C-alpha atoms as a PDB file:
ATOM      1  CA  MET A   1      -6.525   8.993   1.453  1.00  0.00           C
ATOM      2  CA  GLY A   2      -8.390  10.636  -1.374  1.00  0.00           C
ATOM      3  CA  PHE A   3     -10.941  13.325  -0.793  1.00  0.00           C
ATOM      4  CA  ILE A   4     -14.129  13.728  -2.793  1.00  0.00           C
ATOM      5  CA  SER A   5     -12.798  16.979  -4.301  1.00  0.00           C
ATOM      6  CA  ASP A   6      -9.653  15.255  -5.572  1.00  0.00           C
ATOM      7  CA  PRO A   7      -9.834  14.330  -9.268  1.00  0.00           C
ATOM      8  CA  LEU A   8     -10.451  10.722 -10.333  1.00  0.00           C
ATOM      9  CA  TYR A   9      -7.150   9.558 -11.841  1.00  0.00           C
ATOM     10  CA  THR A  10      -6.379   6.888 -14.414  1.00  0.00           C
ATOM     11  CA  PRO A  11      -2.715   5.822 -14.251  1.00  0.00           C
ATOM     12  CA  THR A  12      -0.689   5.372 -17.420  1.00  0.00           C
ATOM     13  CA  TYR A  13       1.890   2.883 -16.089  1.00  0.00           C
ATOM     14  CA  ASP A  14       2.356   0.071 -18.639  1.00  0.00           C
ATOM     15  CA  LEU A  15       1.630  -3.182 -16.781  1.00  0.00           C
ATOM     16  CA  THR A  16       3.422  -6.372 -17.820  1.00  0.00           C
ATOM     17  CA  GLY A  17       1.360  -8.633 -15.554  1.00  0.00           C
ATOM     18  CA  ASP A  18       4.292  -9.968 -13.553  1.00  0.00           C
ATOM     19  CA  GLU A  19       4.976  -7.057 -11.207  1.00  0.00           C
ATOM     20  CA  ILE A  20       6.373  -7.713  -7.759  1.00  0.00           C
ATOM     21  CA  ALA A  21       6.575  -4.921  -5.182  1.00  0.00           C
ATOM     22  CA  VAL A  22       9.634  -5.128  -2.949  1.00  0.00           C
ATOM     23  CA  PHE A  23       9.177  -3.230   0.315  1.00  0.00           C
ATOM     24  CA  ASP A  24      12.424  -2.426   2.104  1.00  0.00           C
ATOM     25  CA  THR A  25      11.338  -1.569   5.657  1.00  0.00           C
ATOM     26  CA  SER A  26      13.110  -0.887   8.932  1.00  0.00           C
ATOM     27  CA  LYS A  27      12.054  -4.412  10.000  1.00  0.00           C
ATOM     28  CA  GLY A  28      13.106  -6.243   6.823  1.00  0.00           C
ATOM     29  CA  THR A  29      11.967  -6.983   3.284  1.00  0.00           C
ATOM     30  CA  VAL A  30       8.527  -7.940   2.013  1.00  0.00           C
ATOM     31  CA  ARG A  31       7.880  -9.110  -1.547  1.00  0.00           C
ATOM     32  CA  ALA A  32       4.312  -8.947  -2.850  1.00  0.00           C
ATOM     33  CA  ARG A  33       3.057 -10.266  -6.182  1.00  0.00           C
ATOM     34  CA  LEU A  34       0.775  -7.636  -7.687  1.00  0.00           C
ATOM     35  CA  ASP A  35      -2.500  -8.555  -9.405  1.00  0.00           C
ATOM     36  CA  GLY A  36      -2.552  -6.411 -12.539  1.00  0.00           C
ATOM     37  CA  ALA A  37      -5.229  -8.594 -14.134  1.00  0.00           C
ATOM     38  CA  GLY A  38      -7.670  -8.286 -11.237  1.00  0.00           C
ATOM     39  CA  ALA A  39      -6.935  -4.704 -10.149  1.00  0.00           C
ATOM     40  CA  PRO A  40      -5.163  -2.963 -13.055  1.00  0.00           C
ATOM     41  CA  VAL A  41      -5.902   0.603 -11.919  1.00  0.00           C
ATOM     42  CA  HIS A  42      -4.660  -0.052  -8.379  1.00  0.00           C
ATOM     43  CA  VAL A  43      -1.530  -1.878  -9.546  1.00  0.00           C
ATOM     44  CA  ALA A  44      -0.641   0.759 -12.171  1.00  0.00           C
ATOM     45  CA  ASN A  45      -1.234   3.532  -9.622  1.00  0.00           C
ATOM     46  CA  PHE A  46       0.909   1.771  -7.000  1.00  0.00           C
ATOM     47  CA  CYS A  47       3.692   1.131  -9.545  1.00  0.00           C
ATOM     48  CA  GLU A  48       3.678   4.786 -10.636  1.00  0.00           C
ATOM     49  CA  LEU A  49       3.941   5.955  -7.041  1.00  0.00           C
ATOM     50  CA  ALA A  50       6.643   3.409  -6.171  1.00  0.00           C
ATOM     51  CA  THR A  51       8.815   4.124  -9.220  1.00  0.00           C
ATOM     52  CA  SER A  52       8.577   7.883  -8.580  1.00  0.00           C
ATOM     53  CA  GLY A  53       9.942   7.382  -5.037  1.00  0.00           C
ATOM     54  CA  PHE A  54       6.665   8.515  -3.431  1.00  0.00           C
ATOM     55  CA  TYR A  55       6.824   5.850  -0.700  1.00  0.00           C
ATOM     56  CA  ASP A  56      10.526   6.260   0.110  1.00  0.00           C
ATOM     57  CA  GLY A  57      10.952   7.437   3.694  1.00  0.00           C
ATOM     58  CA  LEU A  58       7.279   7.242   4.685  1.00  0.00           C
ATOM     59  CA  LYS A  59       6.277   5.442   7.869  1.00  0.00           C
ATOM     60  CA  PHE A  60       3.616   2.921   8.693  1.00  0.00           C
ATOM     61  CA  HIS A  61       1.070   4.966  10.635  1.00  0.00           C
ATOM     62  CA  ARG A  62      -1.652   2.532  11.683  1.00  0.00           C
ATOM     63  CA  TYR A  63      -1.293  -0.800  13.437  1.00  0.00           C
ATOM     64  CA  VAL A  64      -4.323  -2.749  14.635  1.00  0.00           C
ATOM     65  CA  PRO A  65      -3.252  -6.084  16.156  1.00  0.00           C
ATOM     66  CA  GLY A  66      -4.716  -9.056  14.319  1.00  0.00           C
ATOM     67  CA  PHE A  67      -6.157  -6.753  11.633  1.00  0.00           C
ATOM     68  CA  VAL A  68      -3.876  -4.528   9.501  1.00  0.00           C
ATOM     69  CA  ILE A  69      -0.642  -2.550   9.290  1.00  0.00           C
ATOM     70  CA  GLN A  70      -1.140   0.564   7.137  1.00  0.00           C
ATOM     71  CA  GLY A  71       1.238   2.986   5.418  1.00  0.00           C
ATOM     72  CA  GLY A  72       1.545   5.253   2.410  1.00  0.00           C
ATOM     73  CA  CYS A  73       0.492   8.584   3.947  1.00  0.00           C
ATOM     74  CA  PRO A  74       2.788  11.407   2.765  1.00  0.00           C
ATOM     75  CA  ASN A  75       2.086  13.333   5.982  1.00  0.00           C
ATOM     76  CA  THR A  76       4.517  10.939   7.712  1.00  0.00           C
ATOM     77  CA  ARG A  77       7.489  11.888   5.505  1.00  0.00           C
ATOM     78  CA  ASP A  78       8.835  14.687   7.727  1.00  0.00           C
ATOM     79  CA  MET A  79       7.955  13.039  11.010  1.00  0.00           C
ATOM     80  CA  THR A  80      10.119  10.873  13.240  1.00  0.00           C
ATOM     81  CA  PRO A  81       9.009   7.297  13.876  1.00  0.00           C
ATOM     82  CA  GLU A  82       8.125   8.293  17.449  1.00  0.00           C
ATOM     83  CA  GLU A  83       5.962  11.194  16.268  1.00  0.00           C
ATOM     84  CA  VAL A  84       4.090   8.932  13.858  1.00  0.00           C
ATOM     85  CA  ALA A  85       3.584   6.256  16.527  1.00  0.00           C
ATOM     86  CA  SER A  86       2.103   8.883  18.867  1.00  0.00           C
ATOM     87  CA  GLY A  87      -0.584   9.730  16.279  1.00  0.00           C
ATOM     88  CA  ARG A  88      -0.149  13.471  16.722  1.00  0.00           C
ATOM     89  CA  PRO A  89      -0.279  15.784  13.681  1.00  0.00           C
ATOM     90  CA  GLY A  90       2.970  16.489  11.875  1.00  0.00           C
ATOM     91  CA  PRO A  91       4.045  19.511   9.840  1.00  0.00           C
ATOM     92  CA  THR A  92       1.737  18.585   6.938  1.00  0.00           C
ATOM     93  CA  GLY A  93      -1.166  17.033   8.871  1.00  0.00           C
ATOM     94  CA  ARG A  94      -2.230  14.026  10.878  1.00  0.00           C
ATOM     95  CA  PRO A  95      -0.826  10.650   9.797  1.00  0.00           C
ATOM     96  CA  GLY A  96      -3.455   8.763   7.833  1.00  0.00           C
ATOM     97  CA  THR A  97      -5.097  11.810   6.255  1.00  0.00           C
ATOM     98  CA  GLY A  98      -2.753  12.501   3.324  1.00  0.00           C
ATOM     99  CA  GLY A  99      -2.695  11.260  -0.228  1.00  0.00           C
ATOM    100  CA  PRO A 100      -1.257  11.922  -3.685  1.00  0.00           C
ATOM    101  CA  GLY A 101      -3.749  14.687  -4.581  1.00  0.00           C
ATOM    102  CA  TYR A 102      -6.023  12.441  -6.616  1.00  0.00           C
ATOM    103  CA  ARG A 103      -8.165   9.354  -6.140  1.00  0.00           C
ATOM    104  CA  ILE A 104      -8.694   6.175  -8.156  1.00  0.00           C
ATOM    105  CA  ARG A 105     -11.801   4.142  -8.881  1.00  0.00           C
ATOM    106  CA  GLN A 106     -12.594   1.088  -6.791  1.00  0.00           C
ATOM    107  CA  GLU A 107     -12.009  -2.382  -8.210  1.00  0.00           C
ATOM    108  CA  PHE A 108     -13.253  -4.553  -5.338  1.00  0.00           C
ATOM    109  CA  SER A 109     -16.502  -5.150  -7.226  1.00  0.00           C
ATOM    110  CA  THR A 110     -14.727  -6.324 -10.402  1.00  0.00           C
ATOM    111  CA  ASN A 111     -11.627  -8.148  -9.088  1.00  0.00           C
ATOM    112  CA  PRO A 112     -12.334 -11.911  -9.132  1.00  0.00           C
ATOM    113  CA  ARG A 113      -9.483 -12.450  -6.625  1.00  0.00           C
ATOM    114  CA  ASN A 114     -10.499  -9.706  -4.156  1.00  0.00           C
ATOM    115  CA  SER A 115      -9.821 -11.823  -1.078  1.00  0.00           C
ATOM    116  CA  HIS A 116      -8.290 -10.399   2.104  1.00  0.00           C
ATOM    117  CA  GLU A 117      -6.059 -13.354   3.025  1.00  0.00           C
ATOM    118  CA  ASP A 118      -3.180 -13.187   5.509  1.00  0.00           C
ATOM    119  CA  GLY A 119      -0.565 -10.943   3.866  1.00  0.00           C
ATOM    120  CA  ALA A 120      -2.983  -9.466   1.311  1.00  0.00           C
ATOM    121  CA  LEU A 121      -1.970  -6.022   0.022  1.00  0.00           C
ATOM    122  CA  ALA A 122      -4.924  -3.667  -0.387  1.00  0.00           C
ATOM    123  CA  MET A 123      -5.704   0.042  -0.710  1.00  0.00           C
ATOM    124  CA  ALA A 124      -7.170   2.062   2.123  1.00  0.00           C
ATOM    125  CA  ARG A 125      -9.840   4.614   1.347  1.00  0.00           C
ATOM    126  CA  SER A 126     -12.307   7.000   2.969  1.00  0.00           C
ATOM    127  CA  ALA A 127     -16.104   6.568   2.946  1.00  0.00           C
ATOM    128  CA  ASP A 128     -16.293   7.101  -0.833  1.00  0.00           C
ATOM    129  CA  PRO A 129     -15.564   3.784  -2.626  1.00  0.00           C
ATOM    130  CA  ASP A 130     -13.611   5.731  -5.289  1.00  0.00           C
ATOM    131  CA  SER A 131     -11.293   7.479  -2.810  1.00  0.00           C
ATOM    132  CA  ALA A 132      -8.135   5.330  -2.677  1.00  0.00           C
ATOM    133  CA  GLY A 133      -4.912   7.098  -3.575  1.00  0.00           C
ATOM    134  CA  SER A 134      -1.614   6.104  -1.962  1.00  0.00           C
ATOM    135  CA  GLN A 135      -2.397   4.513   1.399  1.00  0.00           C
ATOM    136  CA  PHE A 136      -2.146   0.732   1.509  1.00  0.00           C
ATOM    137  CA  TYR A 137      -2.320  -1.974   4.117  1.00  0.00           C
ATOM    138  CA  PHE A 138      -1.214  -5.539   4.678  1.00  0.00           C
ATOM    139  CA  CYS A 139      -3.662  -7.905   6.360  1.00  0.00           C
ATOM    140  CA  LEU A 140      -2.560  -9.475   9.626  1.00  0.00           C
ATOM    141  CA  GLY A 141      -4.570 -12.648   9.173  1.00  0.00           C
ATOM    142  CA  ALA A 142      -7.594 -13.180   6.944  1.00  0.00           C
ATOM    143  CA  GLN A 143      -9.992 -10.200   6.936  1.00  0.00           C
ATOM    144  CA  HIS A 144     -12.816 -11.316   4.649  1.00  0.00           C
ATOM    145  CA  GLY A 145     -15.171  -8.711   6.085  1.00  0.00           C
ATOM    146  CA  LEU A 146     -13.227  -6.201   3.948  1.00  0.00           C
ATOM    147  CA  ASP A 147     -13.679  -8.112   0.663  1.00  0.00           C
ATOM    148  CA  SER A 148     -16.796  -6.220  -0.428  1.00  0.00           C
ATOM    149  CA  GLY A 149     -15.448  -2.737   0.283  1.00  0.00           C
ATOM    150  CA  TYR A 150     -11.682  -2.522  -0.270  1.00  0.00           C
ATOM    151  CA  THR A 151      -9.565  -3.440  -3.288  1.00  0.00           C
ATOM    152  CA  VAL A 152      -6.933  -6.156  -2.880  1.00  0.00           C
ATOM    153  CA  PHE A 153      -4.172  -5.623  -5.438  1.00  0.00           C
ATOM    154  CA  GLY A 154      -1.435  -7.966  -4.266  1.00  0.00           C
ATOM    155  CA  GLN A 155      -0.363 -10.776  -1.981  1.00  0.00           C
ATOM    156  CA  ALA A 156       2.823 -11.116   0.061  1.00  0.00           C
ATOM    157  CA  VAL A 157       4.917 -14.021  -1.220  1.00  0.00           C
ATOM    158  CA  GLU A 158       7.887 -13.414   1.095  1.00  0.00           C
ATOM    159  CA  GLY A 159       8.198 -11.625   4.412  1.00  0.00           C
ATOM    160  CA  LEU A 160       5.014 -12.534   6.298  1.00  0.00           C
ATOM    161  CA  ASP A 161       7.193 -12.567   9.421  1.00  0.00           C
ATOM    162  CA  VAL A 162       8.270  -8.994   8.628  1.00  0.00           C
ATOM    163  CA  ILE A 163       4.657  -7.900   8.101  1.00  0.00           C
ATOM    164  CA  SER A 164       3.677  -9.372  11.473  1.00  0.00           C
ATOM    165  CA  SER A 165       6.509  -7.453  13.186  1.00  0.00           C
ATOM    166  CA  LEU A 166       5.664  -4.016  11.701  1.00  0.00           C
ATOM    167  CA  ARG A 167       4.233  -1.324  13.981  1.00  0.00           C
ATOM    168  CA  ALA A 168       3.213   2.329  13.669  1.00  0.00           C
ATOM    169  CA  GLY A 169       6.355   4.409  13.178  1.00  0.00           C
ATOM    170  CA  ASP A 170       8.316   1.746  11.290  1.00  0.00           C
ATOM    171  CA  VAL A 171       9.962   3.150   8.174  1.00  0.00           C
ATOM    172  CA  ILE A 172       9.336   2.316   4.524  1.00  0.00           C
ATOM    173  CA  ASN A 173      12.880   2.835   3.243  1.00  0.00           C
ATOM    174  CA  SER A 174      11.783   2.190  -0.337  1.00  0.00           C
ATOM    175  CA  VAL A 175       9.358   0.318  -2.549  1.00  0.00           C
ATOM    176  CA  ARG A 176      10.680  -0.897  -5.877  1.00  0.00           C
ATOM    177  CA  ILE A 177       8.950  -2.781  -8.651  1.00  0.00           C
ATOM    178  CA  GLU A 178      10.520  -5.940 -10.046  1.00  0.00           C
ATOM    179  CA  HIS A 179       9.251  -8.430 -12.590  1.00  0.00           C
ATOM    180  CA  ALA A 180       8.877 -12.164 -11.987  1.00  0.00           C
ATOM    181  CA  GLY A 181      11.381 -14.135 -14.034  1.00  0.00           C
ATOM    182  CA  ASP A 182      13.593 -11.107 -14.652  1.00  0.00           C
ATOM    183  CA  GLU A 183      17.097 -12.552 -14.339  1.00  0.00           C
ATOM    184  CA  ARG A 184      18.447  -9.107 -13.478  1.00  0.00           C
ATOM    185  CA  ASN A 185      16.617  -9.259 -10.147  1.00  0.00           C
ATOM    186  CA  THR A 186      18.844 -10.034  -7.220  1.00  0.00           C
ATOM    187  CA  ARG A 187      17.907 -10.866  -3.682  1.00  0.00           C
ATOM    188  CA  SER A 188      20.011  -9.960  -0.708  1.00  0.00           C
END
């Protein structure tokens, strides 16, 4: 998660408006339609991180039954799934405390579709509203109490069963960005 001393970053990723994030996890695949119109900074930031390979090999580090499954902390990269699940610090810090070295501005107050539905994809942050960076979560059921404080930037369109099976320590093999309607996309 971002820290107040981290710089406020504006991503330069060129959004097309039809981005789909494909999460290949140790439990299966999740496809989430990203909302570049409602949360352009969050979507561009996520796409930049995904296309750079930032998420590849990270683990989900936080599971709260009936609430969220959270990942995207780089501190989990060099940890085993068991180490992450235990919550103990790894070689670069405690899971859930790392980020990309910058933070992005909040968009929950400007996104007209900022609704934490079941399978919503949103950015985690610290106490500062402008502190999101790389950590994200999927909602495990509707969580509308988060609508006024956390930016939703996507919605799962496939793999809700996978999301519900994820636990702390499960691996994010990769996250790739596809485009809706792109005939080059293949599903396995």
